Amino acid sequence: MDLLEIVGWIALTALAWLWFDGTRAREIAVAASRDACAAEGLQFLDDTVSFRKLWPVRDDDGRLRLQRVYGFEYSDTGDNRRRGSIVLLGHRVIAIHVGLRSVPAGRVLH
């Protein structure tokens, strides 16, 4: 194996890990968004979230984690669509924004 092949395998492995990790984070974001909407008496629309942003951030312990922001839509009347967002640090929900209000992450998670 030459150096180019090794670098290629490392890059492929890193991309695969990022994809699998992102899939798990998205599942967590969907569940937390659904729970937040239910807790606030809102309708979670389309049963999905959309990826908005990704960047590395240090957590409280100084470890490097990926912070992701996802967007979702909800309705408060059933006749409209409003936008919300959810922020994850690693696989931990740190903020959920619904309209003009923010729902504390600890309130909607088990």
N, C-alpha and C. Protein backbone atom coordinates (compact mmCIF):
# COMPACT_ATOMS: atom_id res chain seq x y z
N MET A 1 0.83 -1.17 0.00
CA MET A 1 0.00 0.00 0.00
C MET A 1 0.88 1.24 0.00
N ASP A 2 0.58 2.13 -0.89
CA ASP A 2 1.37 3.37 -0.89
C ASP A 2 0.64 4.45 -0.07
N LEU A 3 1.26 5.57 0.10
CA LEU A 3 0.74 6.65 0.94
C LEU A 3 -0.60 7.16 0.45
N LEU A 4 -0.80 7.26 -0.86
CA LEU A 4 -2.06 7.75 -1.41
C LEU A 4 -3.22 6.83 -1.05
N GLU A 5 -3.00 5.54 -1.09
CA GLU A 5 -4.05 4.59 -0.71
C GLU A 5 -4.38 4.70 0.78
N ILE A 6 -3.38 4.86 1.60
CA ILE A 6 -3.61 5.00 3.05
C ILE A 6 -4.42 6.26 3.34
N VAL A 7 -4.04 7.35 2.73
CA VAL A 7 -4.78 8.61 2.91
C VAL A 7 -6.22 8.45 2.42
N GLY A 8 -6.40 7.76 1.30
CA GLY A 8 -7.73 7.51 0.77
C GLY A 8 -8.59 6.71 1.72
N TRP A 9 -8.03 5.65 2.32
CA TRP A 9 -8.77 4.84 3.29
C TRP A 9 -9.11 5.63 4.54
N ILE A 10 -8.19 6.45 4.99
CA ILE A 10 -8.46 7.29 6.17
C ILE A 10 -9.59 8.27 5.87
N ALA A 11 -9.55 8.90 4.71
CA ALA A 11 -10.60 9.84 4.33
C ALA A 11 -11.95 9.14 4.20
N LEU A 12 -11.96 7.96 3.59
CA LEU A 12 -13.20 7.20 3.43
C LEU A 12 -13.77 6.78 4.79
N THR A 13 -12.91 6.36 5.69
CA THR A 13 -13.34 5.97 7.03
C THR A 13 -13.90 7.18 7.79
N ALA A 14 -13.25 8.33 7.66
CA ALA A 14 -13.73 9.54 8.32
C ALA A 14 -15.10 9.96 7.78
N LEU A 15 -15.29 9.88 6.48
CA LEU A 15 -16.58 10.23 5.89
C LEU A 15 -17.68 9.26 6.33
N ALA A 16 -17.35 7.97 6.40
CA ALA A 16 -18.34 6.99 6.85
C ALA A 16 -18.73 7.25 8.31
N TRP A 17 -17.74 7.54 9.16
CA TRP A 17 -18.04 7.85 10.55
C TRP A 17 -18.92 9.10 10.65
N LEU A 18 -18.60 10.13 9.90
CA LEU A 18 -19.38 11.37 9.92
C LEU A 18 -20.81 11.11 9.49
N TRP A 19 -21.00 10.27 8.49
CA TRP A 19 -22.35 9.96 8.01
C TRP A 19 -23.14 9.20 9.08
N PHE A 20 -22.54 8.15 9.67
CA PHE A 20 -23.24 7.38 10.70
C PHE A 20 -23.52 8.22 11.94
N ASP A 21 -22.57 9.03 12.36
CA ASP A 21 -22.75 9.90 13.52
C ASP A 21 -23.84 10.93 13.24
N GLY A 22 -23.86 11.47 12.04
CA GLY A 22 -24.89 12.44 11.66
C GLY A 22 -26.28 11.83 11.61
N THR A 23 -26.36 10.57 11.19
CA THR A 23 -27.64 9.88 11.16
C THR A 23 -28.20 9.73 12.58
N ARG A 24 -27.36 9.34 13.51
CA ARG A 24 -27.79 9.20 14.91
C ARG A 24 -28.18 10.56 15.49
N ALA A 25 -27.42 11.59 15.22
CA ALA A 25 -27.74 12.94 15.71
C ALA A 25 -29.08 13.41 15.15
N ARG A 26 -29.34 13.12 13.88
CA ARG A 26 -30.61 13.52 13.26
C ARG A 26 -31.78 12.80 13.92
N GLU A 27 -31.63 11.53 14.24
CA GLU A 27 -32.69 10.78 14.93
C GLU A 27 -32.99 11.41 16.30
N ILE A 28 -31.95 11.80 17.01
CA ILE A 28 -32.12 12.45 18.30
C ILE A 28 -32.83 13.79 18.13
N ALA A 29 -32.44 14.55 17.10
CA ALA A 29 -33.06 15.86 16.85
C ALA A 29 -34.54 15.72 16.52
N VAL A 30 -34.90 14.72 15.73
CA VAL A 30 -36.32 14.51 15.39
C VAL A 30 -37.12 14.19 16.65
N ALA A 31 -36.63 13.26 17.46
CA ALA A 31 -37.33 12.87 18.68
C ALA A 31 -37.47 14.04 19.66
N ALA A 32 -36.41 14.80 19.85
CA ALA A 32 -36.45 15.93 20.78
C ALA A 32 -37.36 17.04 20.26
N SER A 33 -37.36 17.28 18.95
CA SER A 33 -38.25 18.30 18.38
C SER A 33 -39.70 17.89 18.53
N ARG A 34 -39.98 16.62 18.28
CA ARG A 34 -41.34 16.10 18.44
C ARG A 34 -41.80 16.25 19.89
N ASP A 35 -40.92 15.89 20.85
CA ASP A 35 -41.25 16.00 22.27
C ASP A 35 -41.46 17.45 22.69
N ALA A 36 -40.62 18.35 22.18
CA ALA A 36 -40.75 19.77 22.54
C ALA A 36 -42.07 20.34 22.02
N CYS A 37 -42.43 19.98 20.80
CA CYS A 37 -43.71 20.46 20.25
C CYS A 37 -44.88 19.91 21.05
N ALA A 38 -44.82 18.64 21.40
CA ALA A 38 -45.90 18.04 22.20
C ALA A 38 -46.01 18.71 23.57
N ALA A 39 -44.87 19.00 24.19
CA ALA A 39 -44.87 19.65 25.50
C ALA A 39 -45.46 21.05 25.45
N GLU A 40 -45.32 21.72 24.32
CA GLU A 40 -45.84 23.09 24.17
C GLU A 40 -47.22 23.13 23.52
N GLY A 41 -47.79 21.96 23.20
CA GLY A 41 -49.11 21.91 22.58
C GLY A 41 -49.09 22.31 21.11
N LEU A 42 -47.97 22.05 20.43
CA LEU A 42 -47.82 22.41 19.03
C LEU A 42 -47.80 21.16 18.17
N GLN A 43 -48.10 21.32 16.89
CA GLN A 43 -48.07 20.21 15.96
C GLN A 43 -46.73 20.20 15.23
N PHE A 44 -45.96 19.11 15.37
CA PHE A 44 -44.67 18.93 14.70
C PHE A 44 -44.97 18.50 13.27
N LEU A 45 -44.60 19.32 12.30
CA LEU A 45 -44.95 19.07 10.90
C LEU A 45 -43.90 18.24 10.18
N ASP A 46 -44.34 17.44 9.25
CA ASP A 46 -43.52 16.64 8.33
C ASP A 46 -42.68 15.57 9.03
N ASP A 47 -42.71 15.50 10.36
CA ASP A 47 -41.99 14.50 11.13
C ASP A 47 -40.52 14.40 10.74
N THR A 48 -39.90 15.56 10.49
CA THR A 48 -38.49 15.56 10.10
C THR A 48 -37.81 16.87 10.49
N VAL A 49 -36.50 16.84 10.45
CA VAL A 49 -35.69 18.04 10.65
C VAL A 49 -34.77 18.19 9.44
N SER A 50 -34.30 19.40 9.21
CA SER A 50 -33.38 19.63 8.09
C SER A 50 -32.06 20.18 8.63
N PHE A 51 -30.98 19.68 8.08
CA PHE A 51 -29.65 20.07 8.51
C PHE A 51 -29.37 21.51 8.10
N ARG A 52 -28.82 22.30 9.03
CA ARG A 52 -28.49 23.70 8.72
C ARG A 52 -27.01 24.01 8.87
N LYS A 53 -26.38 23.50 9.95
CA LYS A 53 -25.03 23.95 10.24
C LYS A 53 -24.27 22.90 11.04
N LEU A 54 -22.96 22.84 10.83
CA LEU A 54 -22.09 21.91 11.55
C LEU A 54 -20.75 22.59 11.77
N TRP A 55 -20.25 22.53 13.01
CA TRP A 55 -18.92 23.06 13.29
C TRP A 55 -18.38 22.44 14.58
N PRO A 56 -17.05 22.39 14.74
CA PRO A 56 -16.47 21.83 15.96
C PRO A 56 -16.50 22.85 17.10
N VAL A 57 -16.83 22.34 18.31
CA VAL A 57 -16.93 23.17 19.50
C VAL A 57 -16.41 22.36 20.68
N ARG A 58 -15.83 23.02 21.67
CA ARG A 58 -15.40 22.33 22.88
C ARG A 58 -16.56 22.28 23.88
N ASP A 59 -16.74 21.11 24.50
CA ASP A 59 -17.79 20.98 25.51
C ASP A 59 -17.28 21.49 26.86
N ASP A 60 -18.08 21.30 27.91
CA ASP A 60 -17.71 21.79 29.24
C ASP A 60 -16.45 21.13 29.80
N ASP A 61 -16.15 19.92 29.32
CA ASP A 61 -14.95 19.20 29.76
C ASP A 61 -13.74 19.51 28.90
N GLY A 62 -13.89 20.36 27.90
CA GLY A 62 -12.79 20.72 27.03
C GLY A 62 -12.58 19.77 25.86
N ARG A 63 -13.49 18.80 25.70
CA ARG A 63 -13.38 17.84 24.60
C ARG A 63 -13.99 18.43 23.34
N LEU A 64 -13.37 18.14 22.21
CA LEU A 64 -13.86 18.63 20.93
C LEU A 64 -15.05 17.79 20.49
N ARG A 65 -16.18 18.45 20.21
CA ARG A 65 -17.42 17.80 19.78
C ARG A 65 -17.92 18.51 18.53
N LEU A 66 -18.81 17.84 17.81
CA LEU A 66 -19.47 18.48 16.68
C LEU A 66 -20.79 19.08 17.15
N GLN A 67 -20.97 20.35 16.85
CA GLN A 67 -22.23 21.02 17.16
C GLN A 67 -23.03 21.12 15.88
N ARG A 68 -24.26 20.67 15.94
CA ARG A 68 -25.13 20.67 14.76
C ARG A 68 -26.37 21.49 15.04
N VAL A 69 -26.85 22.17 14.01
CA VAL A 69 -28.12 22.89 14.10
C VAL A 69 -29.03 22.31 13.04
N TYR A 70 -30.24 21.96 13.46
CA TYR A 70 -31.27 21.45 12.56
C TYR A 70 -32.47 22.38 12.65
N GLY A 71 -33.19 22.49 11.54
CA GLY A 71 -34.42 23.26 11.51
C GLY A 71 -35.60 22.33 11.37
N PHE A 72 -36.76 22.78 11.83
CA PHE A 72 -37.99 22.02 11.67
C PHE A 72 -39.16 22.99 11.59
N GLU A 73 -40.30 22.48 11.20
CA GLU A 73 -41.50 23.32 11.11
C GLU A 73 -42.57 22.76 12.04
N TYR A 74 -43.34 23.68 12.60
CA TYR A 74 -44.43 23.31 13.49
C TYR A 74 -45.60 24.24 13.23
N SER A 75 -46.76 23.89 13.78
CA SER A 75 -47.95 24.74 13.65
C SER A 75 -48.56 24.93 15.01
N ASP A 76 -49.00 26.14 15.28
CA ASP A 76 -49.68 26.39 16.55
C ASP A 76 -51.19 26.43 16.38
N THR A 77 -51.67 26.59 15.15
CA THR A 77 -53.12 26.65 14.89
C THR A 77 -53.60 25.52 13.99
N GLY A 78 -52.69 24.87 13.29
CA GLY A 78 -53.06 23.84 12.33
C GLY A 78 -53.22 24.40 10.92
N ASP A 79 -53.24 25.74 10.80
CA ASP A 79 -53.40 26.39 9.50
C ASP A 79 -52.15 27.13 9.04
N ASN A 80 -51.09 27.05 9.80
CA ASN A 80 -49.89 27.81 9.45
C ASN A 80 -48.64 26.96 9.65
N ARG A 81 -47.52 27.45 9.16
CA ARG A 81 -46.23 26.79 9.34
C ARG A 81 -45.27 27.79 9.97
N ARG A 82 -44.66 27.41 11.04
CA ARG A 82 -43.66 28.24 11.71
C ARG A 82 -42.37 27.45 11.78
N ARG A 83 -41.27 28.18 11.88
CA ARG A 83 -39.95 27.54 11.90
C ARG A 83 -39.39 27.49 13.31
N GLY A 84 -38.78 26.36 13.61
CA GLY A 84 -38.07 26.18 14.87
C GLY A 84 -36.69 25.63 14.57
N SER A 85 -35.87 25.54 15.60
CA SER A 85 -34.54 24.95 15.41
C SER A 85 -34.12 24.22 16.68
N ILE A 86 -33.19 23.32 16.50
CA ILE A 86 -32.66 22.54 17.61
C ILE A 86 -31.15 22.48 17.46
N VAL A 87 -30.44 22.61 18.58
CA VAL A 87 -28.98 22.60 18.59
C VAL A 87 -28.51 21.40 19.40
N LEU A 88 -27.63 20.60 18.80
CA LEU A 88 -27.04 19.45 19.47
C LEU A 88 -25.54 19.64 19.60
N LEU A 89 -25.01 19.28 20.74
CA LEU A 89 -23.56 19.25 20.96
C LEU A 89 -23.22 17.78 21.13
N GLY A 90 -22.60 17.20 20.13
CA GLY A 90 -22.43 15.76 20.10
C GLY A 90 -23.80 15.15 19.88
N HIS A 91 -24.24 14.33 20.82
CA HIS A 91 -25.59 13.76 20.75
C HIS A 91 -26.46 14.28 21.87
N ARG A 92 -26.07 15.40 22.45
CA ARG A 92 -26.83 16.00 23.56
C ARG A 92 -27.54 17.26 23.08
N VAL A 93 -28.83 17.34 23.33
CA VAL A 93 -29.61 18.53 22.96
C VAL A 93 -29.25 19.65 23.94
N ILE A 94 -28.83 20.80 23.39
CA ILE A 94 -28.51 21.91 24.28
C ILE A 94 -29.51 23.06 24.17
N ALA A 95 -30.27 23.13 23.07
CA ALA A 95 -31.28 24.18 22.94
C ALA A 95 -32.31 23.80 21.89
N ILE A 96 -33.54 24.18 22.16
CA ILE A 96 -34.62 24.03 21.19
C ILE A 96 -35.32 25.38 21.11
N HIS A 97 -35.41 25.92 19.92
CA HIS A 97 -36.06 27.22 19.72
C HIS A 97 -37.38 27.00 18.97
N VAL A 98 -38.46 27.40 19.62
CA VAL A 98 -39.79 27.28 19.04
C VAL A 98 -40.39 28.67 19.00
N GLY A 99 -40.48 29.26 17.80
CA GLY A 99 -41.02 30.61 17.66
C GLY A 99 -40.14 31.62 18.36
N LEU A 100 -40.74 32.44 19.18
CA LEU A 100 -40.00 33.46 19.90
C LEU A 100 -39.49 32.95 21.24
N ARG A 101 -39.81 31.68 21.57
CA ARG A 101 -39.44 31.12 22.85
C ARG A 101 -38.40 30.02 22.68
N SER A 102 -37.64 29.80 23.71
CA SER A 102 -36.71 28.67 23.76
C SER A 102 -37.18 27.72 24.84
N VAL A 103 -37.21 26.45 24.51
CA VAL A 103 -37.60 25.43 25.46
C VAL A 103 -36.33 24.86 26.07
N PRO A 104 -36.21 24.87 27.38
CA PRO A 104 -35.01 24.28 28.00
C PRO A 104 -34.90 22.81 27.61
N ALA A 105 -33.71 22.39 27.22
CA ALA A 105 -33.52 21.02 26.75
C ALA A 105 -33.88 20.00 27.80
N GLY A 106 -33.60 20.25 29.06
CA GLY A 106 -33.89 19.30 30.12
C GLY A 106 -35.38 19.07 30.32
N ARG A 107 -36.19 19.97 29.89
CA ARG A 107 -37.63 19.86 30.11
C ARG A 107 -38.26 18.82 29.20
N VAL A 108 -37.71 18.61 28.02
CA VAL A 108 -38.35 17.71 27.06
C VAL A 108 -37.64 16.39 26.92
N LEU A 109 -36.49 16.22 27.51
CA LEU A 109 -35.77 14.96 27.38
C LEU A 109 -35.99 14.09 28.59
N HIS A 110 -35.88 12.80 28.40
CA HIS A 110 -36.11 11.83 29.48
C HIS A 110 -34.83 11.62 30.25
